[in-house]
Amino acid sequence: MDRIEILNELKKVLAPYTENKEMLDGINEETDLIKDLKINSANLVDIIIDAEAQYNIEIDFDSAEKMFTVGNCIDVISGKINHSA
């Protein structure tokens, strides 16, 4: 799974937690989950759980701490997918 495929799936994971759904259309790897997408920090755990289910991976605490931008999320997810393959 390449970065673009991960990004497209990640949009689906983020959608329920994003205040302004139109913001998802313009996200890129620099997009900050809290500042740009206005995702409540309490929902970050839910996003991690949903990402684990979506990609059939386990995200450990150290990796979860890095998931504050879309690019970081893609890095973590990609690393976990490639590690389990």
Protein backbone atom coordinates (compact mmCIF):
# COMPACT_ATOMS: atom_id res chain seq x y z
CA MET A 1 0.00 0.00 0.00
CA ASP A 2 1.55 3.31 -1.04
CA ARG A 3 1.31 6.68 0.70
CA ILE A 4 -1.54 7.92 -1.52
CA GLU A 5 -3.62 4.81 -0.81
CA ILE A 6 -2.96 5.20 2.92
CA LEU A 7 -3.93 8.89 2.73
CA ASN A 8 -7.21 8.09 0.97
CA GLU A 9 -8.11 5.49 3.59
CA LEU A 10 -6.94 7.79 6.40
CA LYS A 11 -9.42 10.44 5.23
CA LYS A 12 -12.21 7.94 5.94
CA VAL A 13 -10.81 7.31 9.42
CA LEU A 14 -10.53 11.04 10.17
CA ALA A 15 -13.92 12.08 8.74
CA PRO A 16 -16.09 11.32 11.80
CA TYR A 17 -13.80 13.39 14.02
CA THR A 18 -13.30 16.42 11.75
CA GLU A 19 -15.47 19.48 12.41
CA ASN A 20 -15.29 20.75 8.83
CA LYS A 21 -15.55 17.85 6.36
CA GLU A 22 -14.46 20.10 3.46
CA MET A 23 -11.05 20.38 5.13
CA LEU A 24 -10.43 16.71 4.30
CA ASP A 25 -10.39 17.51 0.58
CA GLY A 26 -7.29 19.65 0.92
CA ILE A 27 -5.24 17.71 3.44
CA ASN A 28 -1.62 16.90 2.79
CA GLU A 29 1.21 15.41 4.82
CA GLU A 30 1.79 18.68 6.70
CA THR A 31 -1.82 18.93 7.88
CA ASP A 32 -1.99 19.01 11.68
CA LEU A 33 -4.82 16.91 13.10
CA ILE A 34 -5.63 19.28 15.96
CA LYS A 35 -4.75 22.72 14.57
CA ASP A 36 -5.84 22.31 10.95
CA LEU A 37 -8.61 19.71 11.11
CA LYS A 38 -9.88 20.92 14.50
CA ILE A 39 -9.95 17.37 15.85
CA ASN A 40 -10.48 17.26 19.61
CA SER A 41 -7.35 15.88 21.26
CA ALA A 42 -9.51 13.42 23.20
CA ASN A 43 -10.53 11.85 19.88
CA LEU A 44 -6.94 11.02 18.91
CA VAL A 45 -7.22 7.73 20.80
CA ASP A 46 -10.38 6.90 18.83
CA ILE A 47 -8.57 7.71 15.59
CA ILE A 48 -5.73 5.38 16.53
CA ILE A 49 -8.18 2.59 17.38
CA ASP A 50 -10.03 3.14 14.08
CA ALA A 51 -6.73 3.17 12.15
CA GLU A 52 -5.72 -0.11 13.78
CA ALA A 53 -8.99 -1.67 12.64
CA GLN A 54 -8.86 -0.11 9.16
CA TYR A 55 -5.32 -1.29 8.41
CA ASN A 56 -5.31 -4.45 10.59
CA ILE A 57 -2.27 -3.25 12.56
CA GLU A 58 -1.31 -2.54 16.17
CA ILE A 59 -0.06 0.93 17.03
CA ASP A 60 2.06 1.03 20.16
CA PHE A 61 2.20 3.99 22.54
CA ASP A 62 5.51 5.33 21.18
CA SER A 63 4.17 5.30 17.63
CA ALA A 64 0.84 6.82 18.69
CA GLU A 65 2.66 9.79 20.23
CA LYS A 66 4.06 10.64 16.77
CA MET A 67 0.66 10.79 15.07
CA PHE A 68 0.01 14.55 15.16
CA THR A 69 0.21 15.33 11.44
CA VAL A 70 -1.18 13.44 8.46
CA GLY A 71 2.37 12.69 7.30
CA ASN A 72 3.30 11.25 10.69
CA CYS A 73 0.16 9.10 10.62
CA ILE A 74 1.09 7.80 7.17
CA ASP A 75 4.66 7.08 8.36
CA VAL A 76 3.42 5.08 11.35
CA ILE A 77 0.76 3.20 9.38
CA SER A 78 3.12 2.46 6.49
CA GLY A 79 5.79 1.22 8.88
CA LYS A 80 3.33 -1.08 10.65
CA ILE A 81 1.90 -2.42 7.37
CA ASN A 82 5.36 -3.09 5.96
CA HIS A 83 6.56 -4.62 9.22
CA SER A 84 3.68 -7.08 9.36
CA ALA A 85 3.98 -8.04 5.68
